Amino acid sequence: MLCICICVVNDQKMRKGYTVQVLDDGHCFICGKDNPIGFKAEFTIDSERRRAETQVRIPEVYQGWQGITHGGIISALLDEICAQACMGSGLMVVTSEIKIRYRAPIPTGSLVTAIGEVVGERRKFVDVKGRLELDGKVMAEAEVTMYRTAAAN
């Protein structure tokens, strides 16, 4: 399985031919099977709909305020689900920009569903939308611009 580890790249450098090499060593925080503190998420990919989905339970150790999931954890989950939607569509990408809207606090211990969908492409960029749901309610959502590095194998 391919994995995209969170990597934010400056647009100016990319325009000047900056190259990003992305390798899966099994230690991705979200999906890495060899990361002892990661989520070890497994994804359902629908390549025709350009969509990825997973469910993860958020441990209490990932809290910000008491009993509430840290915003950085939410951001990482949204980033990864959007990358997985791209990779499931045959695109190898890294994150260029992410805009997150936190709609409601996510209690630690919750089982959340993460959904990512490719919504457009322009030259070297891919536009993706992601969301985290709890019991069918959207708790956080993201608009993500991914930079295409190469075709996925």
C-alpha atoms as a PDB file:
ATOM      1  CA  MET A   1       0.000   0.000   0.000  1.00  0.00           C
ATOM      2  CA  LEU A   2       1.229   3.475  -0.806  1.00  0.00           C
ATOM      3  CA  CYS A   3       1.287   5.971   1.990  1.00  0.00           C
ATOM      4  CA  ILE A   4       1.535   9.722   1.844  1.00  0.00           C
ATOM      5  CA  CYS A   5       3.170  11.114   4.918  1.00  0.00           C
ATOM      6  CA  ILE A   6       2.220  14.673   5.736  1.00  0.00           C
ATOM      7  CA  CYS A   7       4.519  16.951   3.778  1.00  0.00           C
ATOM      8  CA  VAL A   8       3.754  20.602   3.206  1.00  0.00           C
ATOM      9  CA  VAL A   9       5.623  22.113   0.274  1.00  0.00           C
ATOM     10  CA  ASN A  10       6.054  25.791  -0.564  1.00  0.00           C
ATOM     11  CA  ASP A  11       4.368  26.683  -3.881  1.00  0.00           C
ATOM     12  CA  GLN A  12       7.225  28.990  -4.912  1.00  0.00           C
ATOM     13  CA  LYS A  13       9.775  26.204  -4.654  1.00  0.00           C
ATOM     14  CA  MET A  14       7.516  23.839  -6.601  1.00  0.00           C
ATOM     15  CA  ARG A  15       7.213  26.311  -9.467  1.00  0.00           C
ATOM     16  CA  LYS A  16      11.005  26.427  -9.665  1.00  0.00           C
ATOM     17  CA  GLY A  17      11.238  22.665 -10.174  1.00  0.00           C
ATOM     18  CA  TYR A  18      11.568  21.567  -6.544  1.00  0.00           C
ATOM     19  CA  THR A  19      11.371  17.773  -6.402  1.00  0.00           C
ATOM     20  CA  VAL A  20       9.713  15.851  -3.585  1.00  0.00           C
ATOM     21  CA  GLN A  21      10.425  12.171  -3.125  1.00  0.00           C
ATOM     22  CA  VAL A  22       7.815  10.338  -1.076  1.00  0.00           C
ATOM     23  CA  LEU A  23       8.673   6.895   0.277  1.00  0.00           C
ATOM     24  CA  ASP A  24       6.582   4.634   2.481  1.00  0.00           C
ATOM     25  CA  ASP A  25       8.612   3.271   5.379  1.00  0.00           C
ATOM     26  CA  GLY A  26       5.595   2.079   7.376  1.00  0.00           C
ATOM     27  CA  HIS A  27       5.867   4.877   9.950  1.00  0.00           C
ATOM     28  CA  CYS A  28       3.175   7.267   8.725  1.00  0.00           C
ATOM     29  CA  PHE A  29       1.323   8.605  11.770  1.00  0.00           C
ATOM     30  CA  ILE A  30      -2.089   7.886  10.266  1.00  0.00           C
ATOM     31  CA  CYS A  31      -1.648   4.640   8.289  1.00  0.00           C
ATOM     32  CA  GLY A  32       1.794   3.278   9.134  1.00  0.00           C
ATOM     33  CA  LYS A  33       1.644  -0.292  10.422  1.00  0.00           C
ATOM     34  CA  ASP A  34       5.069   0.138  12.065  1.00  0.00           C
ATOM     35  CA  ASN A  35       4.260   3.340  13.962  1.00  0.00           C
ATOM     36  CA  PRO A  36       3.678   2.351  17.605  1.00  0.00           C
ATOM     37  CA  ILE A  37       1.717   5.537  18.402  1.00  0.00           C
ATOM     38  CA  GLY A  38      -0.128   5.944  15.074  1.00  0.00           C
ATOM     39  CA  PHE A  39      -3.686   5.133  14.023  1.00  0.00           C
ATOM     40  CA  LYS A  40      -2.779   2.267  11.647  1.00  0.00           C
ATOM     41  CA  ALA A  41      -5.785   3.312   9.538  1.00  0.00           C
ATOM     42  CA  GLU A  42      -6.979   1.124   6.681  1.00  0.00           C
ATOM     43  CA  PHE A  43      -8.759   2.761   3.773  1.00  0.00           C
ATOM     44  CA  THR A  44     -11.628   1.856   1.490  1.00  0.00           C
ATOM     45  CA  ILE A  45     -10.905   3.297  -1.951  1.00  0.00           C
ATOM     46  CA  ASP A  46     -13.478   3.938  -4.669  1.00  0.00           C
ATOM     47  CA  SER A  47     -11.304   4.863  -7.651  1.00  0.00           C
ATOM     48  CA  GLU A  48     -14.286   5.508  -9.937  1.00  0.00           C
ATOM     49  CA  ARG A  49     -15.721   8.091  -7.535  1.00  0.00           C
ATOM     50  CA  ARG A  50     -12.185   9.267  -6.629  1.00  0.00           C
ATOM     51  CA  ARG A  51     -13.039   8.760  -2.968  1.00  0.00           C
ATOM     52  CA  ALA A  52     -11.401   7.301   0.141  1.00  0.00           C
ATOM     53  CA  GLU A  53     -12.914   6.453   3.500  1.00  0.00           C
ATOM     54  CA  THR A  54     -11.738   5.102   6.845  1.00  0.00           C
ATOM     55  CA  GLN A  55     -12.889   4.835  10.431  1.00  0.00           C
ATOM     56  CA  VAL A  56     -10.610   5.424  13.387  1.00  0.00           C
ATOM     57  CA  ARG A  57     -11.096   5.639  17.117  1.00  0.00           C
ATOM     58  CA  ILE A  58      -9.329   8.641  18.633  1.00  0.00           C
ATOM     59  CA  PRO A  59      -7.455   7.663  21.810  1.00  0.00           C
ATOM     60  CA  GLU A  60      -7.562   9.928  24.870  1.00  0.00           C
ATOM     61  CA  VAL A  61      -3.809  10.575  24.557  1.00  0.00           C
ATOM     62  CA  TYR A  62      -4.595  12.757  21.506  1.00  0.00           C
ATOM     63  CA  GLN A  63      -6.585  15.324  23.444  1.00  0.00           C
ATOM     64  CA  GLY A  64      -6.144  19.087  23.456  1.00  0.00           C
ATOM     65  CA  TRP A  65      -8.533  20.377  26.081  1.00  0.00           C
ATOM     66  CA  GLN A  66      -9.860  17.781  28.514  1.00  0.00           C
ATOM     67  CA  GLY A  67     -11.862  15.154  26.644  1.00  0.00           C
ATOM     68  CA  ILE A  68     -11.585  16.939  23.282  1.00  0.00           C
ATOM     69  CA  THR A  69      -9.466  15.791  20.334  1.00  0.00           C
ATOM     70  CA  HIS A  70      -6.541  18.106  19.555  1.00  0.00           C
ATOM     71  CA  GLY A  71      -7.040  20.151  16.373  1.00  0.00           C
ATOM     72  CA  GLY A  72      -3.703  18.978  14.998  1.00  0.00           C
ATOM     73  CA  ILE A  73      -4.905  15.373  15.108  1.00  0.00           C
ATOM     74  CA  ILE A  74      -8.061  16.369  13.248  1.00  0.00           C
ATOM     75  CA  SER A  75      -5.921  18.188  10.669  1.00  0.00           C
ATOM     76  CA  ALA A  76      -3.670  15.151  10.197  1.00  0.00           C
ATOM     77  CA  LEU A  77      -6.666  12.850   9.644  1.00  0.00           C
ATOM     78  CA  LEU A  78      -8.180  15.230   7.087  1.00  0.00           C
ATOM     79  CA  ASP A  79      -4.850  15.635   5.298  1.00  0.00           C
ATOM     80  CA  GLU A  80      -4.323  11.883   5.059  1.00  0.00           C
ATOM     81  CA  ILE A  81      -7.836  11.027   3.844  1.00  0.00           C
ATOM     82  CA  CYS A  82      -7.474  13.616   1.078  1.00  0.00           C
ATOM     83  CA  ALA A  83      -4.100  12.194   0.071  1.00  0.00           C
ATOM     84  CA  GLN A  84      -5.573   8.684   0.028  1.00  0.00           C
ATOM     85  CA  ALA A  85      -8.390   9.838  -2.276  1.00  0.00           C
ATOM     86  CA  CYS A  86      -5.736  11.115  -4.677  1.00  0.00           C
ATOM     87  CA  MET A  87      -3.579   8.007  -4.493  1.00  0.00           C
ATOM     88  CA  GLY A  88      -6.630   5.806  -5.007  1.00  0.00           C
ATOM     89  CA  SER A  89      -7.126   7.748  -8.246  1.00  0.00           C
ATOM     90  CA  GLY A  90      -3.557   6.989  -9.375  1.00  0.00           C
ATOM     91  CA  LEU A  91      -2.083  10.333  -8.308  1.00  0.00           C
ATOM     92  CA  MET A  92       1.038  10.640  -6.150  1.00  0.00           C
ATOM     93  CA  VAL A  93       0.767  13.876  -4.181  1.00  0.00           C
ATOM     94  CA  VAL A  94       1.967  15.941  -1.259  1.00  0.00           C
ATOM     95  CA  THR A  95       0.018  18.640   0.532  1.00  0.00           C
ATOM     96  CA  SER A  96       0.467  22.161  -0.758  1.00  0.00           C
ATOM     97  CA  GLU A  97      -2.284  23.896   1.211  1.00  0.00           C
ATOM     98  CA  ILE A  98      -4.997  22.909   3.660  1.00  0.00           C
ATOM     99  CA  LYS A  99      -7.931  24.959   4.933  1.00  0.00           C
ATOM    100  CA  ILE A 100      -9.848  23.443   7.836  1.00  0.00           C
ATOM    101  CA  ARG A 101     -13.188  24.336   9.331  1.00  0.00           C
ATOM    102  CA  TYR A 102     -13.766  22.894  12.801  1.00  0.00           C
ATOM    103  CA  ARG A 103     -17.549  22.615  13.141  1.00  0.00           C
ATOM    104  CA  ALA A 104     -17.846  20.927  16.542  1.00  0.00           C
ATOM    105  CA  PRO A 105     -15.520  19.420  19.157  1.00  0.00           C
ATOM    106  CA  ILE A 106     -14.742  15.730  18.698  1.00  0.00           C
ATOM    107  CA  PRO A 107     -14.675  13.896  22.034  1.00  0.00           C
ATOM    108  CA  THR A 108     -11.686  11.635  22.586  1.00  0.00           C
ATOM    109  CA  GLY A 109     -12.595   7.972  22.454  1.00  0.00           C
ATOM    110  CA  SER A 110     -14.917   8.642  19.500  1.00  0.00           C
ATOM    111  CA  LEU A 111     -15.087   6.456  16.411  1.00  0.00           C
ATOM    112  CA  VAL A 112     -14.977   8.925  13.515  1.00  0.00           C
ATOM    113  CA  THR A 113     -15.421   8.390   9.800  1.00  0.00           C
ATOM    114  CA  ALA A 114     -13.015  10.251   7.506  1.00  0.00           C
ATOM    115  CA  ILE A 115     -14.052  10.791   3.897  1.00  0.00           C
ATOM    116  CA  GLY A 116     -11.986  12.387   1.124  1.00  0.00           C
ATOM    117  CA  GLU A 117     -12.991  13.145  -2.468  1.00  0.00           C
ATOM    118  CA  VAL A 118     -11.048  14.531  -5.417  1.00  0.00           C
ATOM    119  CA  VAL A 119     -13.080  17.440  -6.798  1.00  0.00           C
ATOM    120  CA  GLY A 120     -10.810  18.876  -9.490  1.00  0.00           C
ATOM    121  CA  GLU A 121      -7.425  19.025 -11.176  1.00  0.00           C
ATOM    122  CA  ARG A 122      -5.405  21.897 -12.609  1.00  0.00           C
ATOM    123  CA  ARG A 123      -1.964  21.390 -14.072  1.00  0.00           C
ATOM    124  CA  LYS A 124       0.176  20.029 -11.218  1.00  0.00           C
ATOM    125  CA  PHE A 125      -2.470  20.594  -8.531  1.00  0.00           C
ATOM    126  CA  VAL A 126      -5.353  18.452  -7.320  1.00  0.00           C
ATOM    127  CA  ASP A 127      -8.289  19.873  -5.361  1.00  0.00           C
ATOM    128  CA  VAL A 128      -9.701  17.620  -2.676  1.00  0.00           C
ATOM    129  CA  LYS A 129     -12.404  17.931  -0.021  1.00  0.00           C
ATOM    130  CA  GLY A 130     -12.358  15.982   3.214  1.00  0.00           C
ATOM    131  CA  ARG A 131     -14.585  15.649   6.229  1.00  0.00           C
ATOM    132  CA  LEU A 132     -14.734  13.921   9.594  1.00  0.00           C
ATOM    133  CA  GLU A 133     -18.101  12.621  10.704  1.00  0.00           C
ATOM    134  CA  LEU A 134     -19.294  11.423  14.091  1.00  0.00           C
ATOM    135  CA  ASP A 135     -22.586   9.529  14.076  1.00  0.00           C
ATOM    136  CA  GLY A 136     -23.372  11.022  10.651  1.00  0.00           C
ATOM    137  CA  LYS A 137     -22.721  14.630  11.729  1.00  0.00           C
ATOM    138  CA  VAL A 138     -19.920  16.608  10.050  1.00  0.00           C
ATOM    139  CA  MET A 139     -17.502  17.634  12.810  1.00  0.00           C
ATOM    140  CA  ALA A 140     -14.692  19.082  10.669  1.00  0.00           C
ATOM    141  CA  GLU A 141     -14.057  19.614   6.989  1.00  0.00           C
ATOM    142  CA  ALA A 142     -11.140  20.566   4.791  1.00  0.00           C
ATOM    143  CA  GLU A 143     -10.394  22.009   1.388  1.00  0.00           C
ATOM    144  CA  VAL A 144      -6.993  20.733   0.334  1.00  0.00           C
ATOM    145  CA  THR A 145      -4.714  21.565  -2.570  1.00  0.00           C
ATOM    146  CA  MET A 146      -2.362  18.714  -3.338  1.00  0.00           C
ATOM    147  CA  TYR A 147       0.750  18.976  -5.498  1.00  0.00           C
ATOM    148  CA  ARG A 148       1.133  16.117  -7.963  1.00  0.00           C
ATOM    149  CA  THR A 149       4.650  14.666  -7.719  1.00  0.00           C
ATOM    150  CA  ALA A 150       4.302  11.651 -10.058  1.00  0.00           C
ATOM    151  CA  ALA A 151       1.904   8.890 -11.007  1.00  0.00           C
ATOM    152  CA  ALA A 152       1.277   6.296  -8.294  1.00  0.00           C
ATOM    153  CA  ASN A 153       2.379   2.721  -9.054  1.00  0.00           C
END
